[in-house]
Amino acid sequence: MRKFITIAMLLIVLVLGILFWWRYYFPFGERGVKAGELNFVVKKGFVFKTWEGRLIQAGYRSQVPGSVQSNEFEFSIIDVALAERLRLASGKNVELSYTEYLGALPWRGNSKFIVDSIISIREFGPQPNSVAPY
């Protein structure tokens, strides 16, 4: 009977470990891209200091007809060098590549969206070699 309980407990621990890995470490969506104006990037938290940011996307949508709501993409950043580059690009138009997980971990960030690279950073307004339409 003792051997059965030991095997059952090991199986339960193994199944719980696999479920934890699937929920928090298995990428649900890989290599997604979001573009918009970078609102802010900040390092915050009480115990786990993580980099968090918000991107405001162009266009408006709303669940309620007749009302306006802006599209905001909240994300976390693991790489400190990437977070510093984004922090200095606040207010610029950026394209970010991200990975989506099913759940957030406190030491990884507050969001289930983790930005892993910057595709482009552009200033708003006319570009240097662009011709203005008349």
N, C-alpha and C. Protein backbone atom coordinates (compact mmCIF):
# COMPACT_ATOMS: atom_id res chain seq x y z
N MET A 1 0.83 -1.19 0.00
CA MET A 1 0.00 0.00 0.00
C MET A 1 0.88 1.27 0.00
N ARG A 2 1.98 1.21 0.72
CA ARG A 2 2.87 2.36 0.79
C ARG A 2 3.51 2.66 -0.57
N LYS A 3 3.84 1.62 -1.32
CA LYS A 3 4.42 1.77 -2.64
C LYS A 3 3.40 2.41 -3.60
N PHE A 4 2.16 2.03 -3.50
CA PHE A 4 1.10 2.59 -4.34
C PHE A 4 0.92 4.09 -4.07
N ILE A 5 0.93 4.47 -2.80
CA ILE A 5 0.79 5.89 -2.44
C ILE A 5 1.98 6.69 -2.95
N THR A 6 3.18 6.14 -2.87
CA THR A 6 4.38 6.82 -3.36
C THR A 6 4.30 7.03 -4.86
N ILE A 7 3.92 6.02 -5.61
CA ILE A 7 3.80 6.12 -7.06
C ILE A 7 2.70 7.12 -7.44
N ALA A 8 1.58 7.06 -6.72
CA ALA A 8 0.47 7.99 -6.99
C ALA A 8 0.90 9.43 -6.74
N MET A 9 1.62 9.68 -5.66
CA MET A 9 2.09 11.03 -5.35
C MET A 9 3.09 11.52 -6.40
N LEU A 10 3.99 10.66 -6.85
CA LEU A 10 4.94 11.04 -7.88
C LEU A 10 4.22 11.38 -9.19
N LEU A 11 3.21 10.61 -9.55
CA LEU A 11 2.43 10.90 -10.75
C LEU A 11 1.68 12.22 -10.63
N ILE A 12 1.13 12.49 -9.47
CA ILE A 12 0.42 13.76 -9.25
C ILE A 12 1.39 14.94 -9.38
N VAL A 13 2.56 14.82 -8.77
CA VAL A 13 3.57 15.88 -8.86
C VAL A 13 4.02 16.07 -10.31
N LEU A 14 4.21 14.98 -11.05
CA LEU A 14 4.61 15.05 -12.44
C LEU A 14 3.54 15.73 -13.29
N VAL A 15 2.29 15.35 -13.11
CA VAL A 15 1.19 15.96 -13.86
C VAL A 15 1.06 17.45 -13.52
N LEU A 16 1.17 17.81 -12.25
CA LEU A 16 1.10 19.22 -11.86
C LEU A 16 2.27 20.02 -12.44
N GLY A 17 3.46 19.42 -12.49
CA GLY A 17 4.62 20.07 -13.09
C GLY A 17 4.42 20.31 -14.57
N ILE A 18 3.86 19.33 -15.27
CA ILE A 18 3.60 19.48 -16.71
C ILE A 18 2.54 20.55 -16.94
N LEU A 19 1.49 20.58 -16.13
CA LEU A 19 0.45 21.60 -16.26
C LEU A 19 1.00 23.00 -15.98
N PHE A 20 1.88 23.13 -14.99
CA PHE A 20 2.50 24.41 -14.68
C PHE A 20 3.36 24.87 -15.85
N TRP A 21 4.17 23.96 -16.41
CA TRP A 21 5.01 24.30 -17.55
C TRP A 21 4.15 24.74 -18.73
N TRP A 22 3.07 24.00 -19.01
CA TRP A 22 2.20 24.32 -20.14
C TRP A 22 1.54 25.68 -19.96
N ARG A 23 1.11 25.98 -18.76
CA ARG A 23 0.39 27.22 -18.49
C ARG A 23 1.31 28.45 -18.52
N TYR A 24 2.53 28.34 -18.01
CA TYR A 24 3.38 29.52 -17.83
C TYR A 24 4.63 29.57 -18.70
N TYR A 25 5.05 28.48 -19.30
CA TYR A 25 6.29 28.49 -20.08
C TYR A 25 6.11 28.06 -21.54
N PHE A 26 4.99 27.48 -21.91
CA PHE A 26 4.74 27.09 -23.29
C PHE A 26 4.18 28.29 -24.04
N PRO A 27 4.85 28.73 -25.12
CA PRO A 27 4.36 29.90 -25.86
C PRO A 27 3.03 29.60 -26.56
N PHE A 28 2.02 30.39 -26.27
CA PHE A 28 0.70 30.24 -26.89
C PHE A 28 0.71 30.87 -28.28
N GLY A 29 1.33 32.02 -28.41
CA GLY A 29 1.48 32.71 -29.70
C GLY A 29 2.91 33.17 -29.84
N GLU A 30 3.56 32.80 -30.94
CA GLU A 30 4.96 33.16 -31.12
C GLU A 30 5.13 34.15 -32.26
N ARG A 31 6.08 35.06 -32.09
CA ARG A 31 6.51 36.00 -33.11
C ARG A 31 5.39 36.90 -33.61
N GLY A 32 4.57 37.38 -32.72
CA GLY A 32 3.55 38.36 -33.08
C GLY A 32 4.18 39.74 -33.20
N VAL A 33 3.50 40.63 -33.91
CA VAL A 33 4.01 41.99 -34.11
C VAL A 33 2.90 42.98 -33.79
N LYS A 34 3.23 44.01 -33.02
CA LYS A 34 2.32 45.11 -32.74
C LYS A 34 3.05 46.40 -33.07
N ALA A 35 2.31 47.38 -33.60
CA ALA A 35 2.89 48.67 -33.95
C ALA A 35 2.02 49.78 -33.38
N GLY A 36 2.66 50.87 -33.01
CA GLY A 36 1.94 52.02 -32.50
C GLY A 36 2.88 52.98 -31.78
N GLU A 37 2.29 53.93 -31.08
CA GLU A 37 3.07 54.92 -30.34
C GLU A 37 3.41 54.35 -28.96
N LEU A 38 4.69 54.36 -28.63
CA LEU A 38 5.13 53.87 -27.33
C LEU A 38 4.76 54.90 -26.27
N ASN A 39 3.88 54.54 -25.38
CA ASN A 39 3.39 55.45 -24.35
C ASN A 39 4.41 55.55 -23.21
N PHE A 40 4.78 54.41 -22.62
CA PHE A 40 5.77 54.43 -21.55
C PHE A 40 6.42 53.07 -21.39
N VAL A 41 7.59 53.09 -20.77
CA VAL A 41 8.29 51.88 -20.31
C VAL A 41 8.80 52.21 -18.92
N VAL A 42 8.47 51.36 -17.95
CA VAL A 42 8.83 51.64 -16.57
C VAL A 42 9.22 50.35 -15.86
N LYS A 43 10.15 50.46 -14.92
CA LYS A 43 10.52 49.33 -14.09
C LYS A 43 9.75 49.47 -12.78
N LYS A 44 8.92 48.46 -12.47
CA LYS A 44 8.11 48.57 -11.27
C LYS A 44 7.91 47.22 -10.62
N GLY A 45 7.44 47.26 -9.37
CA GLY A 45 7.16 46.05 -8.62
C GLY A 45 7.66 46.18 -7.19
N PHE A 46 7.05 45.40 -6.30
CA PHE A 46 7.46 45.41 -4.90
C PHE A 46 8.58 44.40 -4.65
N VAL A 47 8.35 43.15 -4.95
CA VAL A 47 9.35 42.11 -4.73
C VAL A 47 10.14 41.85 -6.00
N PHE A 48 9.45 41.62 -7.10
CA PHE A 48 10.09 41.38 -8.38
C PHE A 48 10.00 42.65 -9.22
N LYS A 49 11.13 43.31 -9.45
CA LYS A 49 11.18 44.52 -10.28
C LYS A 49 11.22 44.08 -11.75
N THR A 50 10.14 44.39 -12.47
CA THR A 50 10.05 44.01 -13.87
C THR A 50 9.81 45.24 -14.74
N TRP A 51 10.19 45.13 -16.00
CA TRP A 51 9.98 46.20 -16.96
C TRP A 51 8.62 46.02 -17.61
N GLU A 52 7.80 47.05 -17.56
CA GLU A 52 6.45 47.03 -18.12
C GLU A 52 6.31 48.21 -19.08
N GLY A 53 5.49 48.03 -20.12
CA GLY A 53 5.29 49.10 -21.09
C GLY A 53 3.90 49.09 -21.68
N ARG A 54 3.59 50.17 -22.37
CA ARG A 54 2.28 50.30 -23.03
C ARG A 54 2.48 50.92 -24.40
N LEU A 55 1.82 50.32 -25.38
CA LEU A 55 1.85 50.78 -26.76
C LEU A 55 0.43 51.18 -27.14
N ILE A 56 0.26 52.39 -27.68
CA ILE A 56 -1.06 52.84 -28.11
C ILE A 56 -1.13 52.66 -29.62
N GLN A 57 -2.04 51.79 -30.04
CA GLN A 57 -2.16 51.46 -31.46
C GLN A 57 -3.08 52.44 -32.18
N ALA A 58 -2.86 52.60 -33.46
CA ALA A 58 -3.69 53.49 -34.27
C ALA A 58 -5.08 52.89 -34.43
N GLY A 59 -6.08 53.75 -34.54
CA GLY A 59 -7.44 53.30 -34.73
C GLY A 59 -8.17 53.21 -33.40
N TYR A 60 -9.45 53.04 -33.52
CA TYR A 60 -10.30 52.97 -32.34
C TYR A 60 -11.28 51.82 -32.49
N ARG A 61 -11.60 51.20 -31.40
CA ARG A 61 -12.63 50.16 -31.40
C ARG A 61 -13.32 50.20 -30.06
N SER A 62 -14.50 49.68 -30.03
CA SER A 62 -15.25 49.67 -28.79
C SER A 62 -16.23 48.51 -28.80
N GLN A 63 -16.47 47.96 -27.63
CA GLN A 63 -17.46 46.89 -27.49
C GLN A 63 -18.87 47.45 -27.49
N VAL A 64 -19.00 48.72 -27.12
CA VAL A 64 -20.31 49.38 -27.04
C VAL A 64 -20.46 50.31 -28.25
N PRO A 65 -21.49 50.14 -29.07
CA PRO A 65 -21.68 51.02 -30.22
C PRO A 65 -21.86 52.47 -29.77
N GLY A 66 -21.24 53.39 -30.52
CA GLY A 66 -21.38 54.80 -30.22
C GLY A 66 -20.35 55.35 -29.25
N SER A 67 -19.49 54.51 -28.69
CA SER A 67 -18.45 54.99 -27.78
C SER A 67 -17.08 54.77 -28.40
N VAL A 68 -16.09 55.46 -27.88
CA VAL A 68 -14.73 55.40 -28.42
C VAL A 68 -13.80 54.84 -27.35
N GLN A 69 -12.91 53.95 -27.78
CA GLN A 69 -11.92 53.38 -26.87
C GLN A 69 -10.63 53.17 -27.66
N SER A 70 -9.51 53.61 -27.15
CA SER A 70 -8.25 53.43 -27.86
C SER A 70 -7.73 52.02 -27.62
N ASN A 71 -6.95 51.52 -28.59
CA ASN A 71 -6.34 50.20 -28.48
C ASN A 71 -5.01 50.34 -27.76
N GLU A 72 -4.90 49.68 -26.63
CA GLU A 72 -3.66 49.72 -25.86
C GLU A 72 -3.12 48.31 -25.73
N PHE A 73 -1.82 48.17 -25.93
CA PHE A 73 -1.13 46.89 -25.82
C PHE A 73 -0.16 47.00 -24.65
N GLU A 74 -0.48 46.31 -23.56
CA GLU A 74 0.40 46.32 -22.39
C GLU A 74 1.28 45.08 -22.44
N PHE A 75 2.57 45.27 -22.15
CA PHE A 75 3.53 44.19 -22.31
C PHE A 75 4.59 44.25 -21.22
N SER A 76 5.34 43.16 -21.11
CA SER A 76 6.49 43.07 -20.20
C SER A 76 7.74 42.84 -21.03
N ILE A 77 8.89 43.21 -20.45
CA ILE A 77 10.18 43.05 -21.13
C ILE A 77 11.12 42.33 -20.18
N ILE A 78 11.76 41.27 -20.67
CA ILE A 78 12.71 40.51 -19.84
C ILE A 78 14.12 41.06 -20.00
N ASP A 79 14.52 41.38 -21.21
CA ASP A 79 15.87 41.82 -21.52
C ASP A 79 16.07 43.28 -21.09
N VAL A 80 17.04 43.53 -20.22
CA VAL A 80 17.28 44.87 -19.68
C VAL A 80 17.77 45.83 -20.77
N ALA A 81 18.64 45.37 -21.67
CA ALA A 81 19.14 46.24 -22.75
C ALA A 81 18.00 46.65 -23.68
N LEU A 82 17.10 45.74 -23.97
CA LEU A 82 15.93 46.03 -24.79
C LEU A 82 15.02 47.03 -24.10
N ALA A 83 14.85 46.87 -22.80
CA ALA A 83 14.01 47.79 -22.02
C ALA A 83 14.61 49.20 -22.02
N GLU A 84 15.91 49.31 -21.93
CA GLU A 84 16.55 50.63 -21.96
C GLU A 84 16.39 51.30 -23.32
N ARG A 85 16.52 50.53 -24.41
CA ARG A 85 16.31 51.11 -25.75
C ARG A 85 14.88 51.60 -25.91
N LEU A 86 13.92 50.82 -25.41
CA LEU A 86 12.52 51.23 -25.51
C LEU A 86 12.22 52.42 -24.60
N ARG A 87 12.84 52.45 -23.44
CA ARG A 87 12.62 53.57 -22.52
C ARG A 87 13.04 54.89 -23.16
N LEU A 88 14.11 54.87 -23.92
CA LEU A 88 14.58 56.07 -24.60
C LEU A 88 13.77 56.41 -25.85
N ALA A 89 12.93 55.47 -26.30
CA ALA A 89 12.12 55.69 -27.51
C ALA A 89 10.68 56.06 -27.16
N SER A 90 10.42 56.45 -25.95
CA SER A 90 9.06 56.79 -25.53
C SER A 90 8.52 57.94 -26.37
N GLY A 91 7.28 57.79 -26.85
CA GLY A 91 6.65 58.80 -27.68
C GLY A 91 6.89 58.62 -29.16
N LYS A 92 7.70 57.65 -29.54
CA LYS A 92 7.99 57.38 -30.95
C LYS A 92 7.11 56.24 -31.45
N ASN A 93 7.05 56.12 -32.77
CA ASN A 93 6.30 55.04 -33.40
C ASN A 93 7.20 53.81 -33.47
N VAL A 94 6.80 52.71 -32.86
CA VAL A 94 7.63 51.51 -32.80
C VAL A 94 6.85 50.29 -33.29
N GLU A 95 7.60 49.30 -33.78
CA GLU A 95 7.06 47.99 -34.09
C GLU A 95 7.80 47.00 -33.21
N LEU A 96 7.03 46.21 -32.45
CA LEU A 96 7.61 45.28 -31.49
C LEU A 96 7.22 43.85 -31.82
N SER A 97 8.16 42.94 -31.65
CA SER A 97 7.90 41.51 -31.79
C SER A 97 7.71 40.95 -30.39
N TYR A 98 6.70 40.10 -30.21
CA TYR A 98 6.40 39.58 -28.87
C TYR A 98 6.01 38.11 -28.91
N THR A 99 6.05 37.49 -27.75
CA THR A 99 5.58 36.13 -27.54
C THR A 99 4.48 36.18 -26.51
N GLU A 100 3.40 35.43 -26.75
CA GLU A 100 2.26 35.40 -25.84
C GLU A 100 2.24 34.07 -25.08
N TYR A 101 2.06 34.15 -23.78
CA TYR A 101 1.93 32.97 -22.92
C TYR A 101 0.51 32.92 -22.37
N LEU A 102 0.11 31.78 -21.84
CA LEU A 102 -1.23 31.64 -21.28
C LEU A 102 -1.38 32.33 -19.93
N GLY A 103 -0.28 32.54 -19.23
CA GLY A 103 -0.35 33.18 -17.92
C GLY A 103 0.90 33.99 -17.63
N ALA A 104 0.79 34.90 -16.69
CA ALA A 104 1.91 35.75 -16.30
C ALA A 104 2.56 35.20 -15.03
N LEU A 105 3.87 35.34 -14.95
CA LEU A 105 4.63 34.97 -13.75
C LEU A 105 5.17 36.24 -13.11
N PRO A 106 5.19 36.34 -11.78
CA PRO A 106 5.61 37.58 -11.14
C PRO A 106 7.05 37.98 -11.46
N TRP A 107 7.96 37.05 -11.67
CA TRP A 107 9.35 37.38 -11.95
C TRP A 107 9.58 37.64 -13.44
N ARG A 108 8.58 37.37 -14.28
CA ARG A 108 8.68 37.63 -15.71
C ARG A 108 7.96 38.91 -16.09
N GLY A 109 7.00 39.35 -15.29
CA GLY A 109 6.28 40.59 -15.56
C GLY A 109 4.80 40.45 -15.26
N ASN A 110 4.09 41.57 -15.35
CA ASN A 110 2.66 41.59 -15.04
C ASN A 110 1.81 41.17 -16.22
N SER A 111 2.37 41.06 -17.39
CA SER A 111 1.62 40.76 -18.60
C SER A 111 1.97 39.39 -19.13
N LYS A 112 1.03 38.80 -19.88
CA LYS A 112 1.32 37.53 -20.53
C LYS A 112 1.96 37.75 -21.90
N PHE A 113 2.14 39.02 -22.31
CA PHE A 113 2.81 39.37 -23.56
C PHE A 113 4.23 39.81 -23.23
N ILE A 114 5.23 39.10 -23.76
CA ILE A 114 6.64 39.39 -23.49
C ILE A 114 7.28 39.87 -24.79
N VAL A 115 7.75 41.13 -24.80
CA VAL A 115 8.42 41.69 -25.97
C VAL A 115 9.84 41.14 -26.01
N ASP A 116 10.22 40.58 -27.19
CA ASP A 116 11.54 39.98 -27.30
C ASP A 116 12.47 40.71 -28.27
N SER A 117 11.92 41.59 -29.13
CA SER A 117 12.80 42.36 -30.01
C SER A 117 12.07 43.58 -30.56
N ILE A 118 12.87 44.54 -31.04
CA ILE A 118 12.36 45.74 -31.68
C ILE A 118 12.55 45.58 -33.18
N ILE A 119 11.48 45.75 -33.94
CA ILE A 119 11.59 45.68 -35.39
C ILE A 119 12.00 47.03 -35.95
N SER A 120 11.33 48.10 -35.51
CA SER A 120 11.71 49.43 -35.97
C SER A 120 11.27 50.49 -34.98
N ILE A 121 12.00 51.62 -35.02
CA ILE A 121 11.65 52.81 -34.23
C ILE A 121 11.69 53.98 -35.19
N ARG A 122 10.56 54.70 -35.29
CA ARG A 122 10.47 55.84 -36.21
C ARG A 122 9.93 57.05 -35.48
N GLU A 123 10.37 58.23 -35.91
CA GLU A 123 9.84 59.49 -35.41
C GLU A 123 8.50 59.75 -36.08
N PHE A 124 7.63 60.51 -35.42
CA PHE A 124 6.39 60.95 -36.05
C PHE A 124 6.69 62.13 -36.95
N GLY A 125 5.81 62.40 -37.89
CA GLY A 125 5.98 63.53 -38.79
C GLY A 125 6.63 63.10 -40.08
N PRO A 126 6.94 64.07 -40.97
CA PRO A 126 7.52 63.73 -42.26
C PRO A 126 8.93 63.15 -42.11
N GLN A 127 9.21 62.15 -42.90
CA GLN A 127 10.55 61.54 -42.89
C GLN A 127 11.50 62.41 -43.71
N PRO A 128 12.81 62.34 -43.50
CA PRO A 128 13.77 63.24 -44.15
C PRO A 128 13.70 63.24 -45.68
N ASN A 129 13.54 62.11 -46.34
CA ASN A 129 13.55 62.05 -47.79
C ASN A 129 12.16 61.90 -48.39
N SER A 130 11.14 62.28 -47.66
CA SER A 130 9.78 62.15 -48.18
C SER A 130 9.33 63.45 -48.82
N VAL A 131 8.47 63.33 -49.82
CA VAL A 131 7.93 64.47 -50.53
C VAL A 131 6.53 64.75 -50.00
N ALA A 132 6.26 65.97 -49.61
CA ALA A 132 4.95 66.33 -49.09
C ALA A 132 3.94 66.43 -50.23
N PRO A 133 2.76 65.85 -50.07
CA PRO A 133 1.76 65.94 -51.14
C PRO A 133 1.15 67.35 -51.19
N TYR A 134 0.82 67.81 -52.41
CA TYR A 134 0.23 69.14 -52.59
C TYR A 134 -1.17 69.03 -53.07
